[in-house]
Amino acid sequence: MSGRIIKGLALSLILVSAAASAGRNFGIGLIMGEPTALSAKLWTSRTTALDFGLGWGLGWGGYGRYEECRDWYYYERHRNRCDDRGYYYEDDRYGYRGLHLHMDYLMHNFNLIRSSEQLPLYYGPGLNVNFWRGGGAQIGVRGVLGLAWMPRTAPMDLFLEIAPVMQIVPGTWLDVNGGIGARFYF
C-alpha cells in the first residue's frame, strides 16, 4: 500500500475514535474549494475548537521541475517526469496535485453578529502539509478567518472560510486556501 493511503487511513481512524469519545462535540463533513476535503471539527470548549482537513489540493507554482515541464517538447519527451504536474497546453498552466492535510486551532466570537441563530466569526492559527505524486512535500503555516451558521434546531454547521498560508518548506511563498462547507455533529 502507498504511504499516503496509510497516512490517510491512520488520520481517519484518529478522527473516528475522537468522534466516538466526543459525543455531540465532534462534527464531520465536506469543504469545497481549495482544498476540496473531508472536514472534521472537535470542540474543546464553548468557544474553541480543533479543525482538521484531509483532501485533495491543486496548487500552482513555479519552482523545481515546473519550468522544465513548461516546454512542450520537453514535456512530450519526459512525460513520466511531468505527469504529476497537471500540465495544460491550452492555457500554459501547470501545477501539482496532491494530498492535503491541515489542522487549525479556532477561536469563535458568538457576540459579533446579533441574530436569533448562532453566527460565530472564527479565526485562528494552523498548519498544513501537502504531498504530491512526484514525491516531495510542502509545509506551511495558516491563518484562518471564517463565518459559520449553526442552526439551533439541527446538529450541523455551514461555514465559509479563507486561510492565507505562508509556505515555509521547500521554499517560502504565500498561498491561499478557502472554501464553503458543512459538517454534521454526532
C-alpha atoms as a PDB file:
ATOM      1  CA  MET A   1       0.000   0.000   0.000  1.00  0.00           C
ATOM      2  CA  SER A   2       1.094   3.527  -0.700  1.00  0.00           C
ATOM      3  CA  GLY A   3       2.427   5.570   2.202  1.00  0.00           C
ATOM      4  CA  ARG A   4      -0.153   8.291   1.523  1.00  0.00           C
ATOM      5  CA  ILE A   5      -3.004   5.807   1.763  1.00  0.00           C
ATOM      6  CA  ILE A   6      -1.677   4.533   5.072  1.00  0.00           C
ATOM      7  CA  LYS A   7      -1.369   8.094   6.396  1.00  0.00           C
ATOM      8  CA  GLY A   8      -4.924   8.871   5.271  1.00  0.00           C
ATOM      9  CA  LEU A   9      -6.293   5.731   6.907  1.00  0.00           C
ATOM     10  CA  ALA A  10      -4.434   6.485  10.141  1.00  0.00           C
ATOM     11  CA  LEU A  11      -5.867  10.019  10.229  1.00  0.00           C
ATOM     12  CA  SER A  12      -9.358   8.635   9.533  1.00  0.00           C
ATOM     13  CA  LEU A  13      -9.045   6.194  12.436  1.00  0.00           C
ATOM     14  CA  ILE A  14      -7.958   9.009  14.744  1.00  0.00           C
ATOM     15  CA  LEU A  15     -10.943  11.132  13.669  1.00  0.00           C
ATOM     16  CA  VAL A  16     -13.406   8.246  14.132  1.00  0.00           C
ATOM     17  CA  SER A  17     -12.048   7.461  17.613  1.00  0.00           C
ATOM     18  CA  ALA A  18     -12.287  11.145  18.531  1.00  0.00           C
ATOM     19  CA  ALA A  19     -15.905  11.154  17.320  1.00  0.00           C
ATOM     20  CA  ALA A  20     -16.790   8.160  19.452  1.00  0.00           C
ATOM     21  CA  SER A  21     -15.419   9.791  22.592  1.00  0.00           C
ATOM     22  CA  ALA A  22     -16.587  13.358  21.963  1.00  0.00           C
ATOM     23  CA  GLY A  23     -20.368  12.954  21.699  1.00  0.00           C
ATOM     24  CA  ARG A  24     -22.022  15.967  20.015  1.00  0.00           C
ATOM     25  CA  ASN A  25     -18.780  17.934  20.180  1.00  0.00           C
ATOM     26  CA  PHE A  26     -17.428  16.270  17.035  1.00  0.00           C
ATOM     27  CA  GLY A  27     -18.576  17.093  13.502  1.00  0.00           C
ATOM     28  CA  ILE A  28     -17.616  15.676  10.159  1.00  0.00           C
ATOM     29  CA  GLY A  29     -18.435  16.900   6.658  1.00  0.00           C
ATOM     30  CA  LEU A  30     -17.001  18.341   3.457  1.00  0.00           C
ATOM     31  CA  ILE A  31     -15.381  21.575   2.354  1.00  0.00           C
ATOM     32  CA  MET A  32     -15.442  22.528  -1.337  1.00  0.00           C
ATOM     33  CA  GLY A  33     -12.807  24.840  -2.693  1.00  0.00           C
ATOM     34  CA  GLU A  34      -9.060  24.797  -2.342  1.00  0.00           C
ATOM     35  CA  PRO A  35      -8.632  22.223  -0.978  1.00  0.00           C
ATOM     36  CA  THR A  36     -11.673  20.031  -1.508  1.00  0.00           C
ATOM     37  CA  ALA A  37     -11.552  17.899   1.595  1.00  0.00           C
ATOM     38  CA  LEU A  38     -13.136  15.870   4.319  1.00  0.00           C
ATOM     39  CA  SER A  39     -13.572  18.320   7.191  1.00  0.00           C
ATOM     40  CA  ALA A  40     -13.758  17.499  10.890  1.00  0.00           C
ATOM     41  CA  LYS A  41     -14.173  19.744  13.918  1.00  0.00           C
ATOM     42  CA  LEU A  42     -13.694  18.878  17.566  1.00  0.00           C
ATOM     43  CA  TRP A  43     -14.956  21.446  20.093  1.00  0.00           C
ATOM     44  CA  THR A  44     -12.576  21.734  23.054  1.00  0.00           C
ATOM     45  CA  SER A  45     -14.659  24.355  24.900  1.00  0.00           C
ATOM     46  CA  ARG A  46     -17.672  26.585  24.205  1.00  0.00           C
ATOM     47  CA  THR A  47     -15.558  28.987  22.102  1.00  0.00           C
ATOM     48  CA  THR A  48     -12.544  26.953  20.920  1.00  0.00           C
ATOM     49  CA  ALA A  49     -12.188  24.018  18.555  1.00  0.00           C
ATOM     50  CA  LEU A  50      -9.708  21.987  16.553  1.00  0.00           C
ATOM     51  CA  ASP A  51     -10.414  21.841  12.833  1.00  0.00           C
ATOM     52  CA  PHE A  52      -8.987  19.121  10.572  1.00  0.00           C
ATOM     53  CA  GLY A  53      -8.925  18.669   6.812  1.00  0.00           C
ATOM     54  CA  LEU A  54      -7.941  15.711   4.645  1.00  0.00           C
ATOM     55  CA  GLY A  55      -8.352  16.137   0.938  1.00  0.00           C
ATOM     56  CA  TRP A  56      -7.056  16.793  -2.499  1.00  0.00           C
ATOM     57  CA  GLY A  57      -5.424  20.122  -3.234  1.00  0.00           C
ATOM     58  CA  LEU A  58      -4.456  21.674  -6.533  1.00  0.00           C
ATOM     59  CA  GLY A  59      -1.626  24.143  -6.296  1.00  0.00           C
ATOM     60  CA  TRP A  60       0.158  26.244  -8.861  1.00  0.00           C
ATOM     61  CA  GLY A  61       3.728  27.349  -8.649  1.00  0.00           C
ATOM     62  CA  GLY A  62       6.986  27.938 -10.451  1.00  0.00           C
ATOM     63  CA  TYR A  63       9.794  26.174  -8.640  1.00  0.00           C
ATOM     64  CA  GLY A  64      11.590  22.865  -9.020  1.00  0.00           C
ATOM     65  CA  ARG A  65      10.823  20.914 -12.208  1.00  0.00           C
ATOM     66  CA  TYR A  66       7.884  23.096 -13.228  1.00  0.00           C
ATOM     67  CA  GLU A  67       9.942  25.248 -15.580  1.00  0.00           C
ATOM     68  CA  GLU A  68      11.229  22.192 -17.444  1.00  0.00           C
ATOM     69  CA  CYS A  69       7.695  20.851 -17.926  1.00  0.00           C
ATOM     70  CA  ARG A  70       6.576  24.191 -19.320  1.00  0.00           C
ATOM     71  CA  ASP A  71       8.489  23.450 -22.531  1.00  0.00           C
ATOM     72  CA  TRP A  72       6.074  21.405 -24.651  1.00  0.00           C
ATOM     73  CA  TYR A  73       8.852  19.471 -26.428  1.00  0.00           C
ATOM     74  CA  TYR A  74      10.494  18.601 -23.113  1.00  0.00           C
ATOM     75  CA  TYR A  75       7.102  17.581 -21.734  1.00  0.00           C
ATOM     76  CA  GLU A  76       6.471  15.230 -24.656  1.00  0.00           C
ATOM     77  CA  ARG A  77       9.883  13.533 -24.247  1.00  0.00           C
ATOM     78  CA  HIS A  78       9.681  13.338 -20.426  1.00  0.00           C
ATOM     79  CA  ARG A  79       6.023  12.656 -19.674  1.00  0.00           C
ATOM     80  CA  ASN A  80       6.934  10.326 -16.820  1.00  0.00           C
ATOM     81  CA  ARG A  81       8.595  13.280 -15.091  1.00  0.00           C
ATOM     82  CA  CYS A  82       5.807  15.747 -15.773  1.00  0.00           C
ATOM     83  CA  ASP A  83       2.640  13.661 -15.419  1.00  0.00           C
ATOM     84  CA  ASP A  84       2.186  14.662 -11.782  1.00  0.00           C
ATOM     85  CA  ARG A  85       2.252  18.332 -12.703  1.00  0.00           C
ATOM     86  CA  GLY A  86      -1.203  18.811 -14.266  1.00  0.00           C
ATOM     87  CA  TYR A  87       0.210  20.399 -17.438  1.00  0.00           C
ATOM     88  CA  TYR A  88      -2.324  22.327 -19.566  1.00  0.00           C
ATOM     89  CA  TYR A  89      -1.148  23.087 -23.093  1.00  0.00           C
ATOM     90  CA  GLU A  90      -4.137  25.315 -23.948  1.00  0.00           C
ATOM     91  CA  ASP A  91      -3.503  27.978 -21.333  1.00  0.00           C
ATOM     92  CA  ASP A  92       0.119  27.191 -20.481  1.00  0.00           C
ATOM     93  CA  ARG A  93      -0.562  26.431 -16.821  1.00  0.00           C
ATOM     94  CA  TYR A  94       0.904  23.633 -14.755  1.00  0.00           C
ATOM     95  CA  GLY A  95       0.865  22.635 -11.139  1.00  0.00           C
ATOM     96  CA  TYR A  96       0.882  19.661  -8.776  1.00  0.00           C
ATOM     97  CA  ARG A  97      -1.917  17.527  -7.472  1.00  0.00           C
ATOM     98  CA  GLY A  98      -1.585  16.084  -4.037  1.00  0.00           C
ATOM     99  CA  LEU A  99      -2.835  15.025  -0.680  1.00  0.00           C
ATOM    100  CA  HIS A 100      -3.621  17.967   1.578  1.00  0.00           C
ATOM    101  CA  LEU A 101      -3.740  17.830   5.392  1.00  0.00           C
ATOM    102  CA  HIS A 102      -4.416  20.721   7.738  1.00  0.00           C
ATOM    103  CA  MET A 103      -5.134  21.319  11.398  1.00  0.00           C
ATOM    104  CA  ASP A 104      -6.255  24.634  12.904  1.00  0.00           C
ATOM    105  CA  TYR A 105      -6.900  25.906  16.413  1.00  0.00           C
ATOM    106  CA  LEU A 106     -10.046  28.043  16.115  1.00  0.00           C
ATOM    107  CA  MET A 107     -11.484  30.672  18.439  1.00  0.00           C
ATOM    108  CA  HIS A 108     -15.148  31.657  17.970  1.00  0.00           C
ATOM    109  CA  ASN A 109     -16.798  35.008  18.671  1.00  0.00           C
ATOM    110  CA  PHE A 110     -20.551  34.412  19.097  1.00  0.00           C
ATOM    111  CA  ASN A 111     -21.316  38.041  20.063  1.00  0.00           C
ATOM    112  CA  LEU A 112     -20.106  39.894  16.983  1.00  0.00           C
ATOM    113  CA  ILE A 113     -23.218  39.234  14.859  1.00  0.00           C
ATOM    114  CA  ARG A 114     -26.515  39.600  16.735  1.00  0.00           C
ATOM    115  CA  SER A 115     -29.132  37.126  15.486  1.00  0.00           C
ATOM    116  CA  SER A 116     -31.659  34.563  16.689  1.00  0.00           C
ATOM    117  CA  GLU A 117     -29.358  31.955  15.123  1.00  0.00           C
ATOM    118  CA  GLN A 118     -25.770  31.283  16.109  1.00  0.00           C
ATOM    119  CA  LEU A 119     -23.438  33.025  13.612  1.00  0.00           C
ATOM    120  CA  PRO A 120     -19.947  32.920  15.079  1.00  0.00           C
ATOM    121  CA  LEU A 121     -16.986  34.561  13.412  1.00  0.00           C
ATOM    122  CA  TYR A 122     -13.986  32.287  13.888  1.00  0.00           C
ATOM    123  CA  TYR A 123     -10.255  32.733  13.462  1.00  0.00           C
ATOM    124  CA  GLY A 124      -7.018  31.081  14.463  1.00  0.00           C
ATOM    125  CA  PRO A 125      -3.625  29.662  13.520  1.00  0.00           C
ATOM    126  CA  GLY A 126      -2.951  26.339  11.860  1.00  0.00           C
ATOM    127  CA  LEU A 127      -0.567  24.150   9.913  1.00  0.00           C
ATOM    128  CA  ASN A 128      -0.863  22.439   6.552  1.00  0.00           C
ATOM    129  CA  VAL A 129       1.096  19.748   4.755  1.00  0.00           C
ATOM    130  CA  ASN A 130       0.798  18.920   1.060  1.00  0.00           C
ATOM    131  CA  PHE A 131       2.219  15.812  -0.617  1.00  0.00           C
ATOM    132  CA  TRP A 132       2.404  15.447  -4.382  1.00  0.00           C
ATOM    133  CA  ARG A 133       2.533  12.416  -6.622  1.00  0.00           C
ATOM    134  CA  GLY A 134       6.005  13.027  -7.964  1.00  0.00           C
ATOM    135  CA  GLY A 135       7.431  12.967  -4.462  1.00  0.00           C
ATOM    136  CA  GLY A 136       8.135  15.723  -2.020  1.00  0.00           C
ATOM    137  CA  ALA A 137       6.099  17.722   0.425  1.00  0.00           C
ATOM    138  CA  GLN A 138       5.403  21.299   1.368  1.00  0.00           C
ATOM    139  CA  ILE A 139       4.692  22.581   4.848  1.00  0.00           C
ATOM    140  CA  GLY A 140       3.001  25.855   5.679  1.00  0.00           C
ATOM    141  CA  VAL A 141       1.532  27.981   8.455  1.00  0.00           C
ATOM    142  CA  ARG A 142      -2.122  29.021   8.048  1.00  0.00           C
ATOM    143  CA  GLY A 143      -4.241  31.806   9.464  1.00  0.00           C
ATOM    144  CA  VAL A 144      -7.962  31.033   9.223  1.00  0.00           C
ATOM    145  CA  LEU A 145     -10.857  33.508   9.136  1.00  0.00           C
ATOM    146  CA  GLY A 146     -14.399  32.241   8.708  1.00  0.00           C
ATOM    147  CA  LEU A 147     -18.083  32.592   9.410  1.00  0.00           C
ATOM    148  CA  ALA A 148     -20.319  29.710  10.492  1.00  0.00           C
ATOM    149  CA  TRP A 149     -24.060  29.268  10.720  1.00  0.00           C
ATOM    150  CA  MET A 150     -25.035  26.858  13.488  1.00  0.00           C
ATOM    151  CA  PRO A 151     -28.819  26.301  13.490  1.00  0.00           C
ATOM    152  CA  ARG A 152     -30.227  25.916  16.981  1.00  0.00           C
ATOM    153  CA  THR A 153     -32.542  23.088  15.858  1.00  0.00           C
ATOM    154  CA  ALA A 154     -30.091  20.892  13.926  1.00  0.00           C
ATOM    155  CA  PRO A 155     -26.757  19.275  14.850  1.00  0.00           C
ATOM    156  CA  MET A 156     -24.822  20.838  11.976  1.00  0.00           C
ATOM    157  CA  ASP A 157     -22.957  23.902  10.799  1.00  0.00           C
ATOM    158  CA  LEU A 158     -22.472  25.601   7.438  1.00  0.00           C
ATOM    159  CA  PHE A 159     -19.307  27.619   7.042  1.00  0.00           C
ATOM    160  CA  LEU A 160     -17.335  29.860   4.719  1.00  0.00           C
ATOM    161  CA  GLU A 161     -13.637  30.415   5.343  1.00  0.00           C
ATOM    162  CA  ILE A 162     -10.444  31.806   3.892  1.00  0.00           C
ATOM    163  CA  ALA A 163      -6.966  30.854   5.045  1.00  0.00           C
ATOM    164  CA  PRO A 164      -3.848  32.693   3.885  1.00  0.00           C
ATOM    165  CA  VAL A 165      -0.909  30.272   4.009  1.00  0.00           C
ATOM    166  CA  MET A 166       2.798  31.036   4.335  1.00  0.00           C
ATOM    167  CA  GLN A 167       4.512  28.018   2.784  1.00  0.00           C
ATOM    168  CA  ILE A 168       7.858  27.508   4.510  1.00  0.00           C
ATOM    169  CA  VAL A 169       9.195  24.203   3.124  1.00  0.00           C
ATOM    170  CA  PRO A 170      10.649  23.629   0.484  1.00  0.00           C
ATOM    171  CA  GLY A 171      10.600  27.368  -0.203  1.00  0.00           C
ATOM    172  CA  THR A 172       8.864  30.453   1.139  1.00  0.00           C
ATOM    173  CA  TRP A 173       5.847  31.903  -0.668  1.00  0.00           C
ATOM    174  CA  LEU A 174       2.258  32.944   0.017  1.00  0.00           C
ATOM    175  CA  ASP A 175      -0.738  30.824  -0.890  1.00  0.00           C
ATOM    176  CA  VAL A 176      -4.477  30.966  -0.119  1.00  0.00           C
ATOM    177  CA  ASN A 177      -6.869  28.186   0.915  1.00  0.00           C
ATOM    178  CA  GLY A 178     -10.586  28.718   1.164  1.00  0.00           C
ATOM    179  CA  GLY A 179     -13.954  27.205   0.631  1.00  0.00           C
ATOM    180  CA  ILE A 180     -17.506  26.595   1.709  1.00  0.00           C
ATOM    181  CA  GLY A 181     -18.619  23.543   3.629  1.00  0.00           C
ATOM    182  CA  ALA A 182     -20.930  21.767   6.022  1.00  0.00           C
ATOM    183  CA  ARG A 183     -20.474  19.427   8.975  1.00  0.00           C
ATOM    184  CA  PHE A 184     -22.900  17.215  10.899  1.00  0.00           C
ATOM    185  CA  TYR A 185     -22.349  16.611  14.599  1.00  0.00           C
ATOM    186  CA  PHE A 186     -22.876  13.277  16.289  1.00  0.00           C
END
